[in-house]
Amino acid sequence: MAVFEDPAAAVEAALAARERMGAVEIDGHRPQLRAGIHVGRPRKIGGDYLGVDVNIAARVVAAAPDGEILVSETARVSLDDDSFDLKRQRRFKAKGAPKDLAVYSVNASG
């Protein structure tokens, strides 16, 4: 888990990490990064973050297939539509996440 001041920085970091991960090969295996990004108000205790929004972020990343970056609707509204190619996922259902939460697959634009 990583914490960012704004969702665009989180998406940029995830895109960069995914791209760099493509160069990694270990014993013939190429690991793939997946990420889930959500915006909320977690509670910081010591060096850790807790709360409902942390749980939702965990559900979003768990729903992402290998190599995919998903953002919640809450994060999407803070992103510049010209900077990222966003595609809404038809189905997102996860225990502990709001029933009406929409998620989007994201790639760099251009």
PDB file of N, CA and C in Angstrom:
ATOM      1  N   MET A   1       0.846  -1.166   0.000  1.00  0.00           N
ATOM      2  CA  MET A   1       0.000   0.000   0.000  1.00  0.00           C
ATOM      3  C   MET A   1       0.897   1.236   0.000  1.00  0.00           C
ATOM      4  N   ALA A   2       0.479   2.218  -0.774  1.00  0.00           N
ATOM      5  CA  ALA A   2       1.155   3.513  -0.812  1.00  0.00           C
ATOM      6  C   ALA A   2       0.091   4.595  -0.688  1.00  0.00           C
ATOM      7  N   VAL A   3       0.460   5.710  -0.108  1.00  0.00           N
ATOM      8  CA  VAL A   3      -0.465   6.819   0.089  1.00  0.00           C
ATOM      9  C   VAL A   3       0.047   8.019  -0.688  1.00  0.00           C
ATOM     10  N   PHE A   4      -0.845   8.672  -1.425  1.00  0.00           N
ATOM     11  CA  PHE A   4      -0.493   9.830  -2.241  1.00  0.00           C
ATOM     12  C   PHE A   4      -1.395  11.000  -1.879  1.00  0.00           C
ATOM     13  N   GLU A   5      -0.912  12.197  -2.152  1.00  0.00           N
ATOM     14  CA  GLU A   5      -1.698  13.401  -1.882  1.00  0.00           C
ATOM     15  C   GLU A   5      -2.849  13.574  -2.872  1.00  0.00           C
ATOM     16  N   ASP A   6      -2.677  13.069  -4.100  1.00  0.00           N
ATOM     17  CA  ASP A   6      -3.763  13.176  -5.076  1.00  0.00           C
ATOM     18  C   ASP A   6      -3.786  11.936  -5.960  1.00  0.00           C
ATOM     19  N   PRO A   7      -4.968  11.605  -6.498  1.00  0.00           N
ATOM     20  CA  PRO A   7      -5.098  10.378  -7.280  1.00  0.00           C
ATOM     21  C   PRO A   7      -4.283  10.375  -8.571  1.00  0.00           C
ATOM     22  N   ALA A   8      -4.062  11.531  -9.186  1.00  0.00           N
ATOM     23  CA  ALA A   8      -3.266  11.562 -10.417  1.00  0.00           C
ATOM     24  C   ALA A   8      -1.843  11.096 -10.143  1.00  0.00           C
ATOM     25  N   ALA A   9      -1.279  11.496  -9.020  1.00  0.00           N
ATOM     26  CA  ALA A   9       0.072  11.049  -8.650  1.00  0.00           C
ATOM     27  C   ALA A   9       0.085   9.542  -8.426  1.00  0.00           C
ATOM     28  N   ALA A  10      -0.964   9.015  -7.828  1.00  0.00           N
ATOM     29  CA  ALA A  10      -1.059   7.567  -7.606  1.00  0.00           C
ATOM     30  C   ALA A  10      -1.135   6.821  -8.932  1.00  0.00           C
ATOM     31  N   VAL A  11      -1.942   7.331  -9.854  1.00  0.00           N
ATOM     32  CA  VAL A  11      -2.083   6.681 -11.169  1.00  0.00           C
ATOM     33  C   VAL A  11      -0.757   6.744 -11.924  1.00  0.00           C
ATOM     34  N   GLU A  12      -0.107   7.905 -11.916  1.00  0.00           N
ATOM     35  CA  GLU A  12       1.187   8.042 -12.605  1.00  0.00           C
ATOM     36  C   GLU A  12       2.209   7.056 -12.037  1.00  0.00           C
ATOM     37  N   ALA A  13       2.239   6.924 -10.725  1.00  0.00           N
ATOM     38  CA  ALA A  13       3.176   5.986 -10.089  1.00  0.00           C
ATOM     39  C   ALA A  13       2.853   4.548 -10.484  1.00  0.00           C
ATOM     40  N   ALA A  14       1.581   4.194 -10.506  1.00  0.00           N
ATOM     41  CA  ALA A  14       1.186   2.837 -10.884  1.00  0.00           C
ATOM     42  C   ALA A  14       1.520   2.555 -12.344  1.00  0.00           C
ATOM     43  N   LEU A  15       1.278   3.525 -13.236  1.00  0.00           N
ATOM     44  CA  LEU A  15       1.614   3.347 -14.651  1.00  0.00           C
ATOM     45  C   LEU A  15       3.124   3.169 -14.833  1.00  0.00           C
ATOM     46  N   ALA A  16       3.907   3.989 -14.141  1.00  0.00           N
ATOM     47  CA  ALA A  16       5.372   3.891 -14.243  1.00  0.00           C
ATOM     48  C   ALA A  16       5.865   2.556 -13.694  1.00  0.00           C
ATOM     49  N   ALA A  17       5.319   2.130 -12.575  1.00  0.00           N
ATOM     50  CA  ALA A  17       5.727   0.850 -11.979  1.00  0.00           C
ATOM     51  C   ALA A  17       5.368  -0.313 -12.901  1.00  0.00           C
ATOM     52  N   ARG A  18       4.172  -0.260 -13.498  1.00  0.00           N
ATOM     53  CA  ARG A  18       3.754  -1.326 -14.414  1.00  0.00           C
ATOM     54  C   ARG A  18       4.686  -1.383 -15.623  1.00  0.00           C
ATOM     55  N   GLU A  19       5.049  -0.224 -16.146  1.00  0.00           N
ATOM     56  CA  GLU A  19       5.946  -0.179 -17.309  1.00  0.00           C
ATOM     57  C   GLU A  19       7.318  -0.754 -16.959  1.00  0.00           C
ATOM     58  N   ARG A  20       7.846  -0.359 -15.825  1.00  0.00           N
ATOM     59  CA  ARG A  20       9.165  -0.855 -15.411  1.00  0.00           C
ATOM     60  C   ARG A  20       9.134  -2.335 -15.071  1.00  0.00           C
ATOM     61  N   MET A  21       8.012  -2.795 -14.581  1.00  0.00           N
ATOM     62  CA  MET A  21       7.880  -4.220 -14.247  1.00  0.00           C
ATOM     63  C   MET A  21       8.012  -5.081 -15.507  1.00  0.00           C
ATOM     64  N   GLY A  22       7.664  -4.514 -16.653  1.00  0.00           N
ATOM     65  CA  GLY A  22       7.774  -5.249 -17.908  1.00  0.00           C
ATOM     66  C   GLY A  22       9.193  -5.672 -18.250  1.00  0.00           C
ATOM     67  N   ALA A  23      10.171  -5.002 -17.670  1.00  0.00           N
ATOM     68  CA  ALA A  23      11.572  -5.335 -17.938  1.00  0.00           C
ATOM     69  C   ALA A  23      12.118  -6.398 -16.994  1.00  0.00           C
ATOM     70  N   VAL A  24      11.337  -6.806 -16.028  1.00  0.00           N
ATOM     71  CA  VAL A  24      11.795  -7.768 -15.021  1.00  0.00           C
ATOM     72  C   VAL A  24      11.482  -9.196 -15.491  1.00  0.00           C
ATOM     73  N   GLU A  25      12.495 -10.034 -15.424  1.00  0.00           N
ATOM     74  CA  GLU A  25      12.304 -11.455 -15.704  1.00  0.00           C
ATOM     75  C   GLU A  25      13.131 -12.252 -14.705  1.00  0.00           C
ATOM     76  N   ILE A  26      12.484 -13.211 -14.075  1.00  0.00           N
ATOM     77  CA  ILE A  26      13.158 -14.043 -13.071  1.00  0.00           C
ATOM     78  C   ILE A  26      12.892 -15.503 -13.418  1.00  0.00           C
ATOM     79  N   ASP A  27      13.947 -16.222 -13.738  1.00  0.00           N
ATOM     80  CA  ASP A  27      13.828 -17.645 -14.092  1.00  0.00           C
ATOM     81  C   ASP A  27      12.748 -17.896 -15.139  1.00  0.00           C
ATOM     82  N   GLY A  28      12.706 -17.036 -16.156  1.00  0.00           N
ATOM     83  CA  GLY A  28      11.733 -17.197 -17.234  1.00  0.00           C
ATOM     84  C   GLY A  28      10.338 -16.686 -16.925  1.00  0.00           C
ATOM     85  N   HIS A  29      10.136 -16.139 -15.749  1.00  0.00           N
ATOM     86  CA  HIS A  29       8.817 -15.609 -15.366  1.00  0.00           C
ATOM     87  C   HIS A  29       8.849 -14.085 -15.377  1.00  0.00           C
ATOM     88  N   ARG A  30       7.807 -13.476 -15.948  1.00  0.00           N
ATOM     89  CA  ARG A  30       7.657 -12.027 -15.955  1.00  0.00           C
ATOM     90  C   ARG A  30       6.504 -11.646 -15.030  1.00  0.00           C
ATOM     91  N   PRO A  31       6.828 -11.127 -13.840  1.00  0.00           N
ATOM     92  CA  PRO A  31       5.755 -10.720 -12.935  1.00  0.00           C
ATOM     93  C   PRO A  31       4.964  -9.557 -13.520  1.00  0.00           C
ATOM     94  N   GLN A  32       3.706  -9.468 -13.150  1.00  0.00           N
ATOM     95  CA  GLN A  32       2.843  -8.384 -13.616  1.00  0.00           C
ATOM     96  C   GLN A  32       2.271  -7.643 -12.417  1.00  0.00           C
ATOM     97  N   LEU A  33       2.294  -6.339 -12.511  1.00  0.00           N
ATOM     98  CA  LEU A  33       1.787  -5.489 -11.448  1.00  0.00           C
ATOM     99  C   LEU A  33       0.299  -5.229 -11.653  1.00  0.00           C
ATOM    100  N   ARG A  34      -0.433  -5.200 -10.577  1.00  0.00           N
ATOM    101  CA  ARG A  34      -1.816  -4.742 -10.618  1.00  0.00           C
ATOM    102  C   ARG A  34      -1.972  -3.718  -9.509  1.00  0.00           C
ATOM    103  N   ALA A  35      -2.878  -2.769  -9.716  1.00  0.00           N
ATOM    104  CA  ALA A  35      -3.043  -1.706  -8.721  1.00  0.00           C
ATOM    105  C   ALA A  35      -4.503  -1.314  -8.628  1.00  0.00           C
ATOM    106  N   GLY A  36      -4.876  -0.824  -7.467  1.00  0.00           N
ATOM    107  CA  GLY A  36      -6.207  -0.293  -7.230  1.00  0.00           C
ATOM    108  C   GLY A  36      -6.077   1.031  -6.513  1.00  0.00           C
ATOM    109  N   ILE A  37      -6.787   2.037  -7.004  1.00  0.00           N
ATOM    110  CA  ILE A  37      -6.664   3.386  -6.452  1.00  0.00           C
ATOM    111  C   ILE A  37      -8.041   3.875  -6.024  1.00  0.00           C
ATOM    112  N   HIS A  38      -8.091   4.378  -4.809  1.00  0.00           N
ATOM    113  CA  HIS A  38      -9.338   4.893  -4.229  1.00  0.00           C
ATOM    114  C   HIS A  38      -9.004   6.145  -3.428  1.00  0.00           C
ATOM    115  N   VAL A  39      -9.943   7.057  -3.350  1.00  0.00           N
ATOM    116  CA  VAL A  39      -9.771   8.285  -2.579  1.00  0.00           C
ATOM    117  C   VAL A  39     -10.681   8.230  -1.365  1.00  0.00           C
ATOM    118  N   GLY A  40     -10.151   8.628  -0.229  1.00  0.00           N
ATOM    119  CA  GLY A  40     -10.967   8.628   0.977  1.00  0.00           C
ATOM    120  C   GLY A  40     -10.264   9.326   2.114  1.00  0.00           C
ATOM    121  N   ARG A  41     -10.750   9.049   3.306  1.00  0.00           N
ATOM    122  CA  ARG A  41     -10.192   9.664   4.506  1.00  0.00           C
ATOM    123  C   ARG A  41      -9.808   8.582   5.508  1.00  0.00           C
ATOM    124  N   PRO A  42      -8.715   7.894   5.249  1.00  0.00           N
ATOM    125  CA  PRO A  42      -8.290   6.861   6.199  1.00  0.00           C
ATOM    126  C   PRO A  42      -7.777   7.489   7.487  1.00  0.00           C
ATOM    127  N   ARG A  43      -7.747   6.690   8.489  1.00  0.00           N
ATOM    128  CA  ARG A  43      -7.223   7.114   9.784  1.00  0.00           C
ATOM    129  C   ARG A  43      -5.754   6.724   9.871  1.00  0.00           C
ATOM    130  N   LYS A  44      -4.897   7.681  10.172  1.00  0.00           N
ATOM    131  CA  LYS A  44      -3.472   7.376  10.298  1.00  0.00           C
ATOM    132  C   LYS A  44      -3.164   7.096  11.758  1.00  0.00           C
ATOM    133  N   ILE A  45      -2.616   5.919  11.992  1.00  0.00           N
ATOM    134  CA  ILE A  45      -2.203   5.531  13.338  1.00  0.00           C
ATOM    135  C   ILE A  45      -0.752   5.094  13.236  1.00  0.00           C
ATOM    136  N   GLY A  46       0.128   5.893  13.832  1.00  0.00           N
ATOM    137  CA  GLY A  46       1.557   5.620  13.688  1.00  0.00           C
ATOM    138  C   GLY A  46       1.934   5.751  12.224  1.00  0.00           C
ATOM    139  N   GLY A  47       2.548   4.728  11.675  1.00  0.00           N
ATOM    140  CA  GLY A  47       2.923   4.729  10.268  1.00  0.00           C
ATOM    141  C   GLY A  47       1.953   3.960   9.394  1.00  0.00           C
ATOM    142  N   ASP A  48       0.764   3.665   9.907  1.00  0.00           N
ATOM    143  CA  ASP A  48      -0.206   2.849   9.173  1.00  0.00           C
ATOM    144  C   ASP A  48      -1.494   3.633   8.938  1.00  0.00           C
ATOM    145  N   TYR A  49      -2.253   3.190   7.956  1.00  0.00           N
ATOM    146  CA  TYR A  49      -3.558   3.773   7.649  1.00  0.00           C
ATOM    147  C   TYR A  49      -4.613   2.692   7.800  1.00  0.00           C
ATOM    148  N   LEU A  50      -5.725   3.056   8.404  1.00  0.00           N
ATOM    149  CA  LEU A  50      -6.817   2.113   8.649  1.00  0.00           C
ATOM    150  C   LEU A  50      -8.145   2.759   8.288  1.00  0.00           C
ATOM    151  N   GLY A  51      -9.150   1.911   8.113  1.00  0.00           N
ATOM    152  CA  GLY A  51     -10.496   2.421   7.924  1.00  0.00           C
ATOM    153  C   GLY A  51     -11.188   1.865   6.706  1.00  0.00           C
ATOM    154  N   VAL A  52     -12.418   2.295   6.548  1.00  0.00           N
ATOM    155  CA  VAL A  52     -13.279   1.821   5.464  1.00  0.00           C
ATOM    156  C   VAL A  52     -12.651   2.089   4.099  1.00  0.00           C
ATOM    157  N   ASP A  53     -12.089   3.278   3.908  1.00  0.00           N
ATOM    158  CA  ASP A  53     -11.521   3.599   2.596  1.00  0.00           C
ATOM    159  C   ASP A  53     -10.301   2.745   2.258  1.00  0.00           C
ATOM    160  N   VAL A  54      -9.547   2.347   3.250  1.00  0.00           N
ATOM    161  CA  VAL A  54      -8.425   1.422   3.025  1.00  0.00           C
ATOM    162  C   VAL A  54      -8.977   0.071   2.588  1.00  0.00           C
ATOM    163  N   ASN A  55     -10.053  -0.363   3.213  1.00  0.00           N
ATOM    164  CA  ASN A  55     -10.676  -1.638   2.829  1.00  0.00           C
ATOM    165  C   ASN A  55     -11.225  -1.577   1.407  1.00  0.00           C
ATOM    166  N   ILE A  56     -11.834  -0.457   1.039  1.00  0.00           N
ATOM    167  CA  ILE A  56     -12.358  -0.317  -0.328  1.00  0.00           C
ATOM    168  C   ILE A  56     -11.199  -0.364  -1.326  1.00  0.00           C
ATOM    169  N   ALA A  57     -10.112   0.332  -1.038  1.00  0.00           N
ATOM    170  CA  ALA A  57      -8.947   0.303  -1.927  1.00  0.00           C
ATOM    171  C   ALA A  57      -8.427  -1.123  -2.096  1.00  0.00           C
ATOM    172  N   ALA A  58      -8.412  -1.877  -1.009  1.00  0.00           N
ATOM    173  CA  ALA A  58      -7.974  -3.274  -1.078  1.00  0.00           C
ATOM    174  C   ALA A  58      -8.891  -4.098  -1.972  1.00  0.00           C
ATOM    175  N   ARG A  59     -10.183  -3.844  -1.916  1.00  0.00           N
ATOM    176  CA  ARG A  59     -11.138  -4.566  -2.768  1.00  0.00           C
ATOM    177  C   ARG A  59     -10.948  -4.194  -4.237  1.00  0.00           C
ATOM    178  N   VAL A  60     -10.656  -2.921  -4.496  1.00  0.00           N
ATOM    179  CA  VAL A  60     -10.439  -2.473  -5.881  1.00  0.00           C
ATOM    180  C   VAL A  60      -9.194  -3.146  -6.449  1.00  0.00           C
ATOM    181  N   VAL A  61      -8.096  -3.179  -5.697  1.00  0.00           N
ATOM    182  CA  VAL A  61      -6.894  -3.834  -6.214  1.00  0.00           C
ATOM    183  C   VAL A  61      -7.109  -5.336  -6.365  1.00  0.00           C
ATOM    184  N   ALA A  62      -7.865  -5.943  -5.464  1.00  0.00           N
ATOM    185  CA  ALA A  62      -8.118  -7.384  -5.564  1.00  0.00           C
ATOM    186  C   ALA A  62      -8.920  -7.720  -6.819  1.00  0.00           C
ATOM    187  N   ALA A  63      -9.711  -6.777  -7.306  1.00  0.00           N
ATOM    188  CA  ALA A  63     -10.522  -7.004  -8.507  1.00  0.00           C
ATOM    189  C   ALA A  63      -9.730  -6.813  -9.798  1.00  0.00           C
ATOM    190  N   ALA A  64      -8.548  -6.223  -9.700  1.00  0.00           N
ATOM    191  CA  ALA A  64      -7.748  -5.952 -10.899  1.00  0.00           C
ATOM    192  C   ALA A  64      -7.019  -7.209 -11.353  1.00  0.00           C
ATOM    193  N   PRO A  65      -7.196  -7.573 -12.616  1.00  0.00           N
ATOM    194  CA  PRO A  65      -6.406  -8.692 -13.150  1.00  0.00           C
ATOM    195  C   PRO A  65      -4.932  -8.288 -13.255  1.00  0.00           C
ATOM    196  N   ASP A  66      -4.045  -9.261 -13.420  1.00  0.00           N
ATOM    197  CA  ASP A  66      -2.624  -8.971 -13.586  1.00  0.00           C
ATOM    198  C   ASP A  66      -2.419  -7.947 -14.694  1.00  0.00           C
ATOM    199  N   GLY A  67      -1.587  -6.968 -14.425  1.00  0.00           N
ATOM    200  CA  GLY A  67      -1.257  -5.957 -15.422  1.00  0.00           C
ATOM    201  C   GLY A  67      -2.247  -4.812 -15.512  1.00  0.00           C
ATOM    202  N   GLU A  68      -3.304  -4.827 -14.726  1.00  0.00           N
ATOM    203  CA  GLU A  68      -4.336  -3.796 -14.832  1.00  0.00           C
ATOM    204  C   GLU A  68      -4.306  -2.842 -13.650  1.00  0.00           C
ATOM    205  N   ILE A  69      -4.652  -1.598 -13.928  1.00  0.00           N
ATOM    206  CA  ILE A  69      -4.797  -0.573 -12.900  1.00  0.00           C
ATOM    207  C   ILE A  69      -6.255  -0.163 -12.879  1.00  0.00           C
ATOM    208  N   LEU A  70      -6.887  -0.290 -11.722  1.00  0.00           N
ATOM    209  CA  LEU A  70      -8.281   0.117 -11.562  1.00  0.00           C
ATOM    210  C   LEU A  70      -8.356   1.320 -10.633  1.00  0.00           C
ATOM    211  N   VAL A  71      -9.254   2.237 -10.952  1.00  0.00           N
ATOM    212  CA  VAL A  71      -9.533   3.370 -10.066  1.00  0.00           C
ATOM    213  C   VAL A  71     -11.014   3.368  -9.740  1.00  0.00           C
ATOM    214  N   SER A  72     -11.332   3.745  -8.524  1.00  0.00           N
ATOM    215  CA  SER A  72     -12.734   3.845  -8.114  1.00  0.00           C
ATOM    216  C   SER A  72     -13.338   5.118  -8.700  1.00  0.00           C
ATOM    217  N   GLU A  73     -14.658   5.179  -8.718  1.00  0.00           N
ATOM    218  CA  GLU A  73     -15.359   6.382  -9.166  1.00  0.00           C
ATOM    219  C   GLU A  73     -14.912   7.587  -8.337  1.00  0.00           C
ATOM    220  N   THR A  74     -14.699   7.378  -7.063  1.00  0.00           N
ATOM    221  CA  THR A  74     -14.275   8.452  -6.172  1.00  0.00           C
ATOM    222  C   THR A  74     -12.936   9.038  -6.625  1.00  0.00           C
ATOM    223  N   ALA A  75     -12.030   8.192  -7.068  1.00  0.00           N
ATOM    224  CA  ALA A  75     -10.738   8.665  -7.581  1.00  0.00           C
ATOM    225  C   ALA A  75     -10.892   9.250  -8.977  1.00  0.00           C
ATOM    226  N   ARG A  76     -11.720   8.656  -9.796  1.00  0.00           N
ATOM    227  CA  ARG A  76     -11.883   9.091 -11.197  1.00  0.00           C
ATOM    228  C   ARG A  76     -12.311  10.543 -11.304  1.00  0.00           C
ATOM    229  N   VAL A  77     -13.203  10.995 -10.437  1.00  0.00           N
ATOM    230  CA  VAL A  77     -13.704  12.371 -10.555  1.00  0.00           C
ATOM    231  C   VAL A  77     -12.602  13.401 -10.320  1.00  0.00           C
ATOM    232  N   SER A  78     -11.494  13.006  -9.721  1.00  0.00           N
ATOM    233  CA  SER A  78     -10.378  13.925  -9.476  1.00  0.00           C
ATOM    234  C   SER A  78      -9.315  13.865 -10.576  1.00  0.00           C
ATOM    235  N   LEU A  79      -9.485  12.984 -11.551  1.00  0.00           N
ATOM    236  CA  LEU A  79      -8.491  12.827 -12.615  1.00  0.00           C
ATOM    237  C   LEU A  79      -8.834  13.688 -13.819  1.00  0.00           C
ATOM    238  N   ASP A  80      -7.818  14.150 -14.510  1.00  0.00           N
ATOM    239  CA  ASP A  80      -7.978  14.896 -15.756  1.00  0.00           C
ATOM    240  C   ASP A  80      -8.254  13.892 -16.875  1.00  0.00           C
ATOM    241  N   ASP A  81      -9.423  13.990 -17.476  1.00  0.00           N
ATOM    242  CA  ASP A  81      -9.814  13.024 -18.511  1.00  0.00           C
ATOM    243  C   ASP A  81      -8.882  13.022 -19.715  1.00  0.00           C
ATOM    244  N   ASP A  82      -8.146  14.119 -19.948  1.00  0.00           N
ATOM    245  CA  ASP A  82      -7.232  14.177 -21.086  1.00  0.00           C
ATOM    246  C   ASP A  82      -5.904  13.469 -20.805  1.00  0.00           C
ATOM    247  N   SER A  83      -5.603  13.230 -19.540  1.00  0.00           N
ATOM    248  CA  SER A  83      -4.326  12.618 -19.181  1.00  0.00           C
ATOM    249  C   SER A  83      -4.377  11.098 -19.148  1.00  0.00           C
ATOM    250  N   PHE A  84      -5.580  10.561 -18.982  1.00  0.00           N
ATOM    251  CA  PHE A  84      -5.717   9.118 -18.836  1.00  0.00           C
ATOM    252  C   PHE A  84      -6.851   8.588 -19.698  1.00  0.00           C
ATOM    253  N   ASP A  85      -6.664   7.380 -20.181  1.00  0.00           N
ATOM    254  CA  ASP A  85      -7.692   6.672 -20.934  1.00  0.00           C
ATOM    255  C   ASP A  85      -8.447   5.797 -19.926  1.00  0.00           C
ATOM    256  N   LEU A  86      -9.685   6.162 -19.630  1.00  0.00           N
ATOM    257  CA  LEU A  86     -10.474   5.460 -18.620  1.00  0.00           C
ATOM    258  C   LEU A  86     -11.604   4.684 -19.272  1.00  0.00           C
ATOM    259  N   LYS A  87     -11.746   3.432 -18.873  1.00  0.00           N
ATOM    260  CA  LYS A  87     -12.836   2.595 -19.387  1.00  0.00           C
ATOM    261  C   LYS A  87     -13.575   1.992 -18.205  1.00  0.00           C
ATOM    262  N   ARG A  88     -14.854   2.273 -18.122  1.00  0.00           N
ATOM    263  CA  ARG A  88     -15.639   1.743 -17.009  1.00  0.00           C
ATOM    264  C   ARG A  88     -15.762   0.230 -17.127  1.00  0.00           C
ATOM    265  N   GLN A  89     -15.571  -0.436 -16.010  1.00  0.00           N
ATOM    266  CA  GLN A  89     -15.737  -1.884 -15.948  1.00  0.00           C
ATOM    267  C   GLN A  89     -17.212  -2.179 -15.728  1.00  0.00           C
ATOM    268  N   ARG A  90     -17.742  -3.088 -16.494  1.00  0.00           N
ATOM    269  CA  ARG A  90     -19.176  -3.375 -16.408  1.00  0.00           C
ATOM    270  C   ARG A  90     -19.585  -3.941 -15.058  1.00  0.00           C
ATOM    271  N   ARG A  91     -18.754  -4.753 -14.494  1.00  0.00           N
ATOM    272  CA  ARG A  91     -19.135  -5.391 -13.233  1.00  0.00           C
ATOM    273  C   ARG A  91     -18.063  -5.173 -12.181  1.00  0.00           C
ATOM    274  N   PHE A  92     -18.508  -4.753 -11.043  1.00  0.00           N
ATOM    275  CA  PHE A  92     -17.623  -4.682  -9.892  1.00  0.00           C
ATOM    276  C   PHE A  92     -18.467  -5.015  -8.676  1.00  0.00           C
ATOM    277  N   LYS A  93     -18.143  -6.105  -8.084  1.00  0.00           N
ATOM    278  CA  LYS A  93     -18.862  -6.555  -6.906  1.00  0.00           C
ATOM    279  C   LYS A  93     -17.820  -7.093  -5.945  1.00  0.00           C
ATOM    280  N   ALA A  94     -17.788  -6.517  -4.753  1.00  0.00           N
ATOM    281  CA  ALA A  94     -16.811  -6.983  -3.781  1.00  0.00           C
ATOM    282  C   ALA A  94     -17.371  -6.828  -2.382  1.00  0.00           C
ATOM    283  N   LYS A  95     -17.217  -7.861  -1.612  1.00  0.00           N
ATOM    284  CA  LYS A  95     -17.656  -7.828  -0.229  1.00  0.00           C
ATOM    285  C   LYS A  95     -16.932  -6.687   0.491  1.00  0.00           C
ATOM    286  N   GLY A  96     -17.686  -5.864   1.191  1.00  0.00           N
ATOM    287  CA  GLY A  96     -17.103  -4.763   1.936  1.00  0.00           C
ATOM    288  C   GLY A  96     -16.991  -3.472   1.156  1.00  0.00           C
ATOM    289  N   ALA A  97     -17.333  -3.496  -0.138  1.00  0.00           N
ATOM    290  CA  ALA A  97     -17.312  -2.282  -0.952  1.00  0.00           C
ATOM    291  C   ALA A  97     -18.753  -1.839  -1.199  1.00  0.00           C
ATOM    292  N   PRO A  98     -18.974  -0.540  -1.363  1.00  0.00           N
ATOM    293  CA  PRO A  98     -20.336  -0.075  -1.651  1.00  0.00           C
ATOM    294  C   PRO A  98     -20.898  -0.760  -2.897  1.00  0.00           C
ATOM    295  N   LYS A  99     -22.170  -1.122  -2.850  1.00  0.00           N
ATOM    296  CA  LYS A  99     -22.789  -1.843  -3.969  1.00  0.00           C
ATOM    297  C   LYS A  99     -22.805  -1.045  -5.257  1.00  0.00           C
ATOM    298  N   ASP A 100     -22.857   0.278  -5.154  1.00  0.00           N
ATOM    299  CA  ASP A 100     -22.932   1.110  -6.353  1.00  0.00           C
ATOM    300  C   ASP A 100     -21.576   1.683  -6.776  1.00  0.00           C
ATOM    301  N   LEU A 101     -20.485   1.168  -6.222  1.00  0.00           N
ATOM    302  CA  LEU A 101     -19.163   1.684  -6.566  1.00  0.00           C
ATOM    303  C   LEU A 101     -18.791   1.274  -7.987  1.00  0.00           C
ATOM    304  N   ALA A 102     -18.492   2.268  -8.812  1.00  0.00           N
ATOM    305  CA  ALA A 102     -18.033   2.008 -10.178  1.00  0.00           C
ATOM    306  C   ALA A 102     -16.509   2.015 -10.176  1.00  0.00           C
ATOM    307  N   VAL A 103     -15.916   1.179 -11.007  1.00  0.00           N
ATOM    308  CA  VAL A 103     -14.462   1.168 -11.168  1.00  0.00           C
ATOM    309  C   VAL A 103     -14.112   1.292 -12.645  1.00  0.00           C
ATOM    310  N   TYR A 104     -12.938   1.836 -12.894  1.00  0.00           N
ATOM    311  CA  TYR A 104     -12.478   2.110 -14.246  1.00  0.00           C
ATOM    312  C   TYR A 104     -11.069   1.573 -14.439  1.00  0.00           C
ATOM    313  N   SER A 105     -10.836   0.963 -15.599  1.00  0.00           N
ATOM    314  CA  SER A 105      -9.502   0.553 -15.986  1.00  0.00           C
ATOM    315  C   SER A 105      -8.822   1.801 -16.544  1.00  0.00           C
ATOM    316  N   VAL A 106      -7.555   1.976 -16.228  1.00  0.00           N
ATOM    317  CA  VAL A 106      -6.874   3.205 -16.632  1.00  0.00           C
ATOM    318  C   VAL A 106      -5.572   2.916 -17.348  1.00  0.00           C
ATOM    319  N   ASN A 107      -5.306   3.703 -18.383  1.00  0.00           N
ATOM    320  CA  ASN A 107      -4.050   3.691 -19.114  1.00  0.00           C
ATOM    321  C   ASN A 107      -3.674   5.132 -19.404  1.00  0.00           C
ATOM    322  N   ALA A 108      -2.408   5.360 -19.714  1.00  0.00           N
ATOM    323  CA  ALA A 108      -1.974   6.709 -20.091  1.00  0.00           C
ATOM    324  C   ALA A 108      -2.619   7.064 -21.422  1.00  0.00           C
ATOM    325  N   SER A 109      -3.012   8.290 -21.599  1.00  0.00           N
ATOM    326  CA  SER A 109      -3.571   8.766 -22.863  1.00  0.00           C
ATOM    327  C   SER A 109      -2.447   9.003 -23.846  1.00  0.00           C
ATOM    328  N   GLY A 110      -2.811   8.898 -25.121  1.00  0.00           N
ATOM    329  CA  GLY A 110      -1.858   9.254 -26.165  1.00  0.00           C
ATOM    330  C   GLY A 110      -0.950   8.172 -26.438  1.00  0.00           C
TER     331      GLY A 110
END
